[in-house]
Amino acid sequence: MNPVKHVAIIMDGNGRWGIKNKQSRNAGHRAGLNSVDLIINQCIHHKIEVLTLYTFSSENWKRPKNEITYLFKLLETFLRKKVNEIIEKDIKLKFIGEINKLPTKLQQLIKLSEKKTINKKSLQVNIALNYGSKTELINTIKKIKQKKIKLNEKNIDNNLYTKHLPNPDILIRTGNTHRLSNFLLWQLSYTEIFFEKKLWPDFKSKDFNKILKKFKDIKRNFGSI
């Protein structure tokens, strides 16, 4: 039986759900927060150590400006309203990506949220924001060169955004799309991948638990026979 320490999720399908159900992509992003709450609670219940959520990729800047503005406002509201609940649940928040390129007010809220939750231990939630895996790898190699240390696997692992964390055991992508979209490419080398047809706002606790059950029966070889 395989233990699950780290789950990563590409939360795809919010916009499509919003258009289908509410004639608004933004309504889908809002509805997606309910699924985030459910999955965080399930991770705590199952004693999973790390949950990494792909929230906004470095390619998402190509979306309409009003949708990007709405997404950032939604995140600001979430951090303001939910930070006390996050603290009560003993959750540590960590933002990964090029945070310095985000709006100033959002950057300040991010830093404050990380500071308030830095000592929490029941679950670490990584929020991948303005994140792209290729950029992460380039920045990692630059760091290694600046430190004048050897370029090898260990030093790459130790200079990624996810340093000192286990690599994901499971990647879930909702929305019936079968690609990785520049997400954690280095970290996912031996991750078990589950593509789900459901759009993210329709993804519920029972769907998550079904994946955990399937994962526990998989024989993981990590390249060996």
C-alpha atoms as a PDB file:
ATOM      1  CA  MET A   1       0.000   0.000   0.000  1.00  0.00           C
ATOM      2  CA  ASN A   2       1.488   3.331  -1.096  1.00  0.00           C
ATOM      3  CA  PRO A   3       1.564   6.214   1.395  1.00  0.00           C
ATOM      4  CA  VAL A   4       0.500   9.604  -0.007  1.00  0.00           C
ATOM      5  CA  LYS A   5       2.643  12.517   1.140  1.00  0.00           C
ATOM      6  CA  HIS A   6       2.158  15.045  -1.666  1.00  0.00           C
ATOM      7  CA  VAL A   7      -0.753  15.647  -4.060  1.00  0.00           C
ATOM      8  CA  ALA A   8      -0.531  18.167  -6.917  1.00  0.00           C
ATOM      9  CA  ILE A   9      -3.608  19.380  -8.795  1.00  0.00           C
ATOM     10  CA  ILE A  10      -4.132  21.215 -12.081  1.00  0.00           C
ATOM     11  CA  MET A  11      -7.544  22.745 -11.360  1.00  0.00           C
ATOM     12  CA  ASP A  12      -8.785  22.898 -14.954  1.00  0.00           C
ATOM     13  CA  GLY A  13     -12.274  23.721 -16.169  1.00  0.00           C
ATOM     14  CA  ASN A  14     -13.398  26.680 -14.044  1.00  0.00           C
ATOM     15  CA  GLY A  15     -14.008  28.932 -17.043  1.00  0.00           C
ATOM     16  CA  ARG A  16     -15.866  26.258 -19.009  1.00  0.00           C
ATOM     17  CA  TRP A  17     -17.995  25.419 -15.954  1.00  0.00           C
ATOM     18  CA  GLY A  18     -18.836  29.109 -15.503  1.00  0.00           C
ATOM     19  CA  ILE A  19     -19.961  29.563 -19.122  1.00  0.00           C
ATOM     20  CA  LYS A  20     -21.973  26.321 -19.056  1.00  0.00           C
ATOM     21  CA  ASN A  21     -23.747  27.007 -15.750  1.00  0.00           C
ATOM     22  CA  LYS A  22     -23.727  30.781 -15.223  1.00  0.00           C
ATOM     23  CA  GLN A  23     -22.774  32.287 -18.623  1.00  0.00           C
ATOM     24  CA  SER A  24     -19.673  33.736 -16.943  1.00  0.00           C
ATOM     25  CA  ARG A  25     -16.092  32.422 -16.728  1.00  0.00           C
ATOM     26  CA  ASN A  26     -15.614  34.416 -13.512  1.00  0.00           C
ATOM     27  CA  ALA A  27     -18.508  32.556 -11.853  1.00  0.00           C
ATOM     28  CA  GLY A  28     -16.590  29.343 -12.534  1.00  0.00           C
ATOM     29  CA  HIS A  29     -13.475  30.651 -10.801  1.00  0.00           C
ATOM     30  CA  ARG A  30     -15.612  31.581  -7.781  1.00  0.00           C
ATOM     31  CA  ALA A  31     -17.266  28.141  -7.723  1.00  0.00           C
ATOM     32  CA  GLY A  32     -13.843  26.478  -7.932  1.00  0.00           C
ATOM     33  CA  LEU A  33     -12.991  27.777  -4.449  1.00  0.00           C
ATOM     34  CA  ASN A  34     -15.590  25.390  -2.979  1.00  0.00           C
ATOM     35  CA  SER A  35     -13.682  22.427  -4.431  1.00  0.00           C
ATOM     36  CA  VAL A  36     -10.435  23.840  -3.004  1.00  0.00           C
ATOM     37  CA  ASP A  37     -12.017  23.856   0.484  1.00  0.00           C
ATOM     38  CA  LEU A  38     -13.250  20.264   0.102  1.00  0.00           C
ATOM     39  CA  ILE A  39      -9.888  18.915  -1.058  1.00  0.00           C
ATOM     40  CA  ILE A  40      -7.926  20.760   1.652  1.00  0.00           C
ATOM     41  CA  ASN A  41     -10.189  19.156   4.269  1.00  0.00           C
ATOM     42  CA  GLN A  42      -9.704  15.720   2.695  1.00  0.00           C
ATOM     43  CA  CYS A  43      -5.911  16.155   2.695  1.00  0.00           C
ATOM     44  CA  ILE A  44      -5.989  16.965   6.423  1.00  0.00           C
ATOM     45  CA  HIS A  45      -8.288  13.978   7.042  1.00  0.00           C
ATOM     46  CA  HIS A  46      -5.918  11.610   5.197  1.00  0.00           C
ATOM     47  CA  LYS A  47      -2.822  13.122   6.854  1.00  0.00           C
ATOM     48  CA  ILE A  48      -1.333  14.171   3.504  1.00  0.00           C
ATOM     49  CA  GLU A  49       1.636  16.476   4.129  1.00  0.00           C
ATOM     50  CA  VAL A  50       1.627  18.692   1.003  1.00  0.00           C
ATOM     51  CA  LEU A  51      -1.002  19.901  -1.481  1.00  0.00           C
ATOM     52  CA  THR A  52       0.190  21.923  -4.502  1.00  0.00           C
ATOM     53  CA  LEU A  53      -2.466  23.790  -6.488  1.00  0.00           C
ATOM     54  CA  TYR A  54      -1.831  25.212  -9.970  1.00  0.00           C
ATOM     55  CA  THR A  55      -3.682  28.499  -9.617  1.00  0.00           C
ATOM     56  CA  PHE A  56      -2.283  30.835 -12.296  1.00  0.00           C
ATOM     57  CA  SER A  57       0.364  29.904 -14.827  1.00  0.00           C
ATOM     58  CA  SER A  58       2.899  32.234 -16.421  1.00  0.00           C
ATOM     59  CA  GLU A  59       0.990  31.620 -19.699  1.00  0.00           C
ATOM     60  CA  ASN A  60      -2.340  32.758 -18.185  1.00  0.00           C
ATOM     61  CA  TRP A  61      -1.389  36.419 -18.764  1.00  0.00           C
ATOM     62  CA  LYS A  62      -2.711  35.834 -22.310  1.00  0.00           C
ATOM     63  CA  ARG A  63      -6.263  35.665 -20.935  1.00  0.00           C
ATOM     64  CA  PRO A  64      -8.620  38.693 -21.127  1.00  0.00           C
ATOM     65  CA  LYS A  65      -7.508  41.476 -18.769  1.00  0.00           C
ATOM     66  CA  ASN A  66     -10.843  41.608 -16.905  1.00  0.00           C
ATOM     67  CA  GLU A  67     -10.618  37.858 -16.135  1.00  0.00           C
ATOM     68  CA  ILE A  68      -7.047  38.238 -14.786  1.00  0.00           C
ATOM     69  CA  THR A  69      -8.120  41.203 -12.625  1.00  0.00           C
ATOM     70  CA  TYR A  70     -11.053  39.170 -11.275  1.00  0.00           C
ATOM     71  CA  LEU A  71      -8.811  36.192 -10.459  1.00  0.00           C
ATOM     72  CA  PHE A  72      -6.415  38.346  -8.461  1.00  0.00           C
ATOM     73  CA  LYS A  73      -9.271  40.088  -6.605  1.00  0.00           C
ATOM     74  CA  LEU A  74     -10.773  36.685  -5.823  1.00  0.00           C
ATOM     75  CA  LEU A  75      -7.461  35.537  -4.362  1.00  0.00           C
ATOM     76  CA  GLU A  76      -7.099  38.755  -2.341  1.00  0.00           C
ATOM     77  CA  THR A  77     -10.591  38.247  -0.880  1.00  0.00           C
ATOM     78  CA  PHE A  78      -9.834  34.592  -0.157  1.00  0.00           C
ATOM     79  CA  LEU A  79      -6.645  35.468   1.735  1.00  0.00           C
ATOM     80  CA  ARG A  80      -8.340  38.215   3.764  1.00  0.00           C
ATOM     81  CA  LYS A  81     -11.403  36.193   4.711  1.00  0.00           C
ATOM     82  CA  LYS A  82      -9.871  32.745   5.093  1.00  0.00           C
ATOM     83  CA  VAL A  83      -6.494  33.323   6.753  1.00  0.00           C
ATOM     84  CA  ASN A  84      -7.855  32.897  10.301  1.00  0.00           C
ATOM     85  CA  GLU A  85      -9.618  29.671   9.310  1.00  0.00           C
ATOM     86  CA  ILE A  86      -6.380  28.466   7.680  1.00  0.00           C
ATOM     87  CA  ILE A  87      -4.486  29.203  10.911  1.00  0.00           C
ATOM     88  CA  GLU A  88      -7.118  27.342  12.972  1.00  0.00           C
ATOM     89  CA  LYS A  89      -6.730  24.295  10.711  1.00  0.00           C
ATOM     90  CA  ASP A  90      -2.944  24.399  11.272  1.00  0.00           C
ATOM     91  CA  ILE A  91      -2.239  24.937   7.539  1.00  0.00           C
ATOM     92  CA  LYS A  92       0.978  26.462   6.234  1.00  0.00           C
ATOM     93  CA  LEU A  93       0.620  28.566   3.059  1.00  0.00           C
ATOM     94  CA  LYS A  94       3.474  28.809   0.582  1.00  0.00           C
ATOM     95  CA  PHE A  95       3.310  30.633  -2.762  1.00  0.00           C
ATOM     96  CA  ILE A  96       5.535  29.398  -5.583  1.00  0.00           C
ATOM     97  CA  GLY A  97       6.218  31.238  -8.843  1.00  0.00           C
ATOM     98  CA  GLU A  98       7.363  34.690  -9.888  1.00  0.00           C
ATOM     99  CA  ILE A  99       5.460  36.476  -7.138  1.00  0.00           C
ATOM    100  CA  ASN A 100       7.425  39.715  -7.642  1.00  0.00           C
ATOM    101  CA  LYS A 101       5.614  40.261 -10.967  1.00  0.00           C
ATOM    102  CA  LEU A 102       2.146  40.281  -9.375  1.00  0.00           C
ATOM    103  CA  PRO A 103       0.186  43.420  -8.292  1.00  0.00           C
ATOM    104  CA  THR A 104       1.757  45.079  -5.213  1.00  0.00           C
ATOM    105  CA  LYS A 105      -1.312  44.709  -2.974  1.00  0.00           C
ATOM    106  CA  LEU A 106      -1.511  40.981  -3.736  1.00  0.00           C
ATOM    107  CA  GLN A 107       2.228  40.572  -3.054  1.00  0.00           C
ATOM    108  CA  GLN A 108       1.783  42.189   0.364  1.00  0.00           C
ATOM    109  CA  LEU A 109      -1.134  39.884   1.232  1.00  0.00           C
ATOM    110  CA  ILE A 110       0.864  36.851   0.107  1.00  0.00           C
ATOM    111  CA  LYS A 111       3.829  37.768   2.312  1.00  0.00           C
ATOM    112  CA  LEU A 112       1.526  38.412   5.283  1.00  0.00           C
ATOM    113  CA  SER A 113      -0.314  35.091   4.801  1.00  0.00           C
ATOM    114  CA  GLU A 114       2.964  33.173   4.580  1.00  0.00           C
ATOM    115  CA  LYS A 115       4.290  34.920   7.687  1.00  0.00           C
ATOM    116  CA  LYS A 116       1.123  34.211   9.721  1.00  0.00           C
ATOM    117  CA  THR A 117       1.122  30.505   8.825  1.00  0.00           C
ATOM    118  CA  ILE A 118       4.865  29.778   8.753  1.00  0.00           C
ATOM    119  CA  ASN A 119       4.833  27.520  11.837  1.00  0.00           C
ATOM    120  CA  LYS A 120       1.698  25.538  10.961  1.00  0.00           C
ATOM    121  CA  LYS A 121       2.161  21.794  10.534  1.00  0.00           C
ATOM    122  CA  SER A 122      -0.950  19.759   9.656  1.00  0.00           C
ATOM    123  CA  LEU A 123      -0.738  20.496   5.913  1.00  0.00           C
ATOM    124  CA  GLN A 124       1.396  22.674   3.627  1.00  0.00           C
ATOM    125  CA  VAL A 125      -0.588  24.185   0.762  1.00  0.00           C
ATOM    126  CA  ASN A 126       1.593  25.400  -2.091  1.00  0.00           C
ATOM    127  CA  ILE A 127      -0.204  27.875  -4.331  1.00  0.00           C
ATOM    128  CA  ALA A 128       1.492  27.989  -7.748  1.00  0.00           C
ATOM    129  CA  LEU A 129       0.889  31.567  -8.863  1.00  0.00           C
ATOM    130  CA  ASN A 130       2.463  33.118 -11.961  1.00  0.00           C
ATOM    131  CA  TYR A 131       4.229  29.771 -12.123  1.00  0.00           C
ATOM    132  CA  GLY A 132       5.941  28.062 -15.050  1.00  0.00           C
ATOM    133  CA  SER A 133       8.130  24.993 -14.627  1.00  0.00           C
ATOM    134  CA  LYS A 134      10.601  25.929 -17.382  1.00  0.00           C
ATOM    135  CA  THR A 135      11.180  29.326 -15.734  1.00  0.00           C
ATOM    136  CA  GLU A 136      11.606  27.588 -12.358  1.00  0.00           C
ATOM    137  CA  LEU A 137      14.304  25.332 -13.823  1.00  0.00           C
ATOM    138  CA  ILE A 138      16.133  28.237 -15.503  1.00  0.00           C
ATOM    139  CA  ASN A 139      16.073  30.222 -12.230  1.00  0.00           C
ATOM    140  CA  THR A 140      17.288  27.150 -10.342  1.00  0.00           C
ATOM    141  CA  ILE A 141      20.281  26.734 -12.659  1.00  0.00           C
ATOM    142  CA  LYS A 142      21.077  30.453 -12.265  1.00  0.00           C
ATOM    143  CA  LYS A 143      21.038  30.048  -8.460  1.00  0.00           C
ATOM    144  CA  ILE A 144      23.377  27.056  -8.676  1.00  0.00           C
ATOM    145  CA  LYS A 145      25.800  29.051 -10.843  1.00  0.00           C
ATOM    146  CA  GLN A 146      25.674  32.023  -8.424  1.00  0.00           C
ATOM    147  CA  LYS A 147      26.420  29.693  -5.493  1.00  0.00           C
ATOM    148  CA  LYS A 148      29.290  28.173  -7.520  1.00  0.00           C
ATOM    149  CA  ILE A 149      28.197  24.655  -6.678  1.00  0.00           C
ATOM    150  CA  LYS A 150      28.080  21.556  -8.888  1.00  0.00           C
ATOM    151  CA  LEU A 151      25.191  21.206 -11.336  1.00  0.00           C
ATOM    152  CA  ASN A 152      23.646  17.861 -10.401  1.00  0.00           C
ATOM    153  CA  GLU A 153      20.252  16.384  -9.488  1.00  0.00           C
ATOM    154  CA  LYS A 154      20.655  16.916  -5.759  1.00  0.00           C
ATOM    155  CA  ASN A 155      21.529  20.609  -6.131  1.00  0.00           C
ATOM    156  CA  ILE A 156      18.656  21.157  -8.560  1.00  0.00           C
ATOM    157  CA  ASP A 157      16.262  19.536  -6.028  1.00  0.00           C
ATOM    158  CA  ASN A 158      17.648  21.775  -3.275  1.00  0.00           C
ATOM    159  CA  ASN A 159      17.135  25.003  -5.224  1.00  0.00           C
ATOM    160  CA  LEU A 160      13.642  24.515  -6.642  1.00  0.00           C
ATOM    161  CA  TYR A 161      10.585  26.299  -5.212  1.00  0.00           C
ATOM    162  CA  THR A 162       9.668  22.912  -3.689  1.00  0.00           C
ATOM    163  CA  LYS A 163      13.034  22.318  -1.988  1.00  0.00           C
ATOM    164  CA  HIS A 164      12.925  20.112   1.136  1.00  0.00           C
ATOM    165  CA  LEU A 165       9.495  18.747   0.149  1.00  0.00           C
ATOM    166  CA  PRO A 166       8.715  15.250  -1.164  1.00  0.00           C
ATOM    167  CA  ASN A 167       7.935  15.141  -4.882  1.00  0.00           C
ATOM    168  CA  PRO A 168       4.240  14.644  -5.714  1.00  0.00           C
ATOM    169  CA  ASP A 169       2.990  11.071  -5.417  1.00  0.00           C
ATOM    170  CA  ILE A 170      -0.172  11.959  -7.314  1.00  0.00           C
ATOM    171  CA  LEU A 171      -1.012  14.547  -9.980  1.00  0.00           C
ATOM    172  CA  ILE A 172      -4.679  15.155 -10.681  1.00  0.00           C
ATOM    173  CA  ARG A 173      -5.799  17.186 -13.685  1.00  0.00           C
ATOM    174  CA  THR A 174      -9.514  17.887 -13.994  1.00  0.00           C
ATOM    175  CA  GLY A 175     -11.322  19.206 -17.077  1.00  0.00           C
ATOM    176  CA  ASN A 176     -10.751  16.279 -19.481  1.00  0.00           C
ATOM    177  CA  THR A 177      -7.450  17.702 -20.768  1.00  0.00           C
ATOM    178  CA  HIS A 178      -4.466  15.351 -21.000  1.00  0.00           C
ATOM    179  CA  ARG A 179      -1.335  17.472 -20.676  1.00  0.00           C
ATOM    180  CA  LEU A 180       0.977  18.865 -17.977  1.00  0.00           C
ATOM    181  CA  SER A 181       0.880  22.535 -19.089  1.00  0.00           C
ATOM    182  CA  ASN A 182       4.360  23.438 -17.825  1.00  0.00           C
ATOM    183  CA  PHE A 183       3.594  22.346 -14.253  1.00  0.00           C
ATOM    184  CA  LEU A 184       6.269  20.810 -11.958  1.00  0.00           C
ATOM    185  CA  LEU A 185       8.000  19.094 -14.892  1.00  0.00           C
ATOM    186  CA  TRP A 186      11.095  18.148 -12.860  1.00  0.00           C
ATOM    187  CA  GLN A 187       9.162  17.109  -9.758  1.00  0.00           C
ATOM    188  CA  LEU A 188       6.662  14.902 -11.644  1.00  0.00           C
ATOM    189  CA  SER A 189       9.218  12.483 -13.098  1.00  0.00           C
ATOM    190  CA  TYR A 190       7.796   9.470 -11.181  1.00  0.00           C
ATOM    191  CA  THR A 191       4.392  10.809 -10.198  1.00  0.00           C
ATOM    192  CA  GLU A 192       1.224   8.789 -10.855  1.00  0.00           C
ATOM    193  CA  ILE A 193      -1.045  10.907 -13.085  1.00  0.00           C
ATOM    194  CA  PHE A 194      -4.854  10.875 -13.000  1.00  0.00           C
ATOM    195  CA  PHE A 195      -6.778  12.752 -15.706  1.00  0.00           C
ATOM    196  CA  GLU A 196     -10.364  13.481 -14.682  1.00  0.00           C
ATOM    197  CA  LYS A 197     -13.236  14.308 -17.048  1.00  0.00           C
ATOM    198  CA  LYS A 198     -15.043  16.449 -14.474  1.00  0.00           C
ATOM    199  CA  LEU A 199     -14.526  20.211 -14.512  1.00  0.00           C
ATOM    200  CA  TRP A 200     -12.846  21.492 -11.327  1.00  0.00           C
ATOM    201  CA  PRO A 201     -16.002  22.955  -9.644  1.00  0.00           C
ATOM    202  CA  ASP A 202     -17.673  19.525 -10.087  1.00  0.00           C
ATOM    203  CA  PHE A 203     -14.752  17.649  -8.487  1.00  0.00           C
ATOM    204  CA  LYS A 204     -15.832  16.490  -5.026  1.00  0.00           C
ATOM    205  CA  SER A 205     -14.455  14.613  -2.009  1.00  0.00           C
ATOM    206  CA  LYS A 206     -15.698  11.251  -3.340  1.00  0.00           C
ATOM    207  CA  ASP A 207     -13.738  11.791  -6.596  1.00  0.00           C
ATOM    208  CA  PHE A 208     -10.584  12.594  -4.629  1.00  0.00           C
ATOM    209  CA  ASN A 209     -11.017   9.563  -2.376  1.00  0.00           C
ATOM    210  CA  LYS A 210     -11.537   7.306  -5.398  1.00  0.00           C
ATOM    211  CA  ILE A 211      -8.140   8.424  -6.769  1.00  0.00           C
ATOM    212  CA  LEU A 212      -6.441   7.849  -3.396  1.00  0.00           C
ATOM    213  CA  LYS A 213      -7.881   4.326  -3.343  1.00  0.00           C
ATOM    214  CA  LYS A 214      -6.634   3.585  -6.889  1.00  0.00           C
ATOM    215  CA  PHE A 215      -3.196   4.976  -6.062  1.00  0.00           C
ATOM    216  CA  LYS A 216      -2.766   2.725  -3.045  1.00  0.00           C
ATOM    217  CA  ASP A 217      -3.008  -0.377  -5.278  1.00  0.00           C
ATOM    218  CA  ILE A 218      -0.452   0.804  -7.872  1.00  0.00           C
ATOM    219  CA  LYS A 219       2.942  -0.913  -7.903  1.00  0.00           C
ATOM    220  CA  ARG A 220       5.501   1.928  -8.033  1.00  0.00           C
ATOM    221  CA  ASN A 221       8.885   0.905  -9.441  1.00  0.00           C
ATOM    222  CA  PHE A 222      10.660   4.276  -9.817  1.00  0.00           C
ATOM    223  CA  GLY A 223      12.526   2.960 -12.869  1.00  0.00           C
ATOM    224  CA  SER A 224      13.370  -0.494 -11.470  1.00  0.00           C
ATOM    225  CA  ILE A 225      11.733  -3.766 -12.474  1.00  0.00           C
END
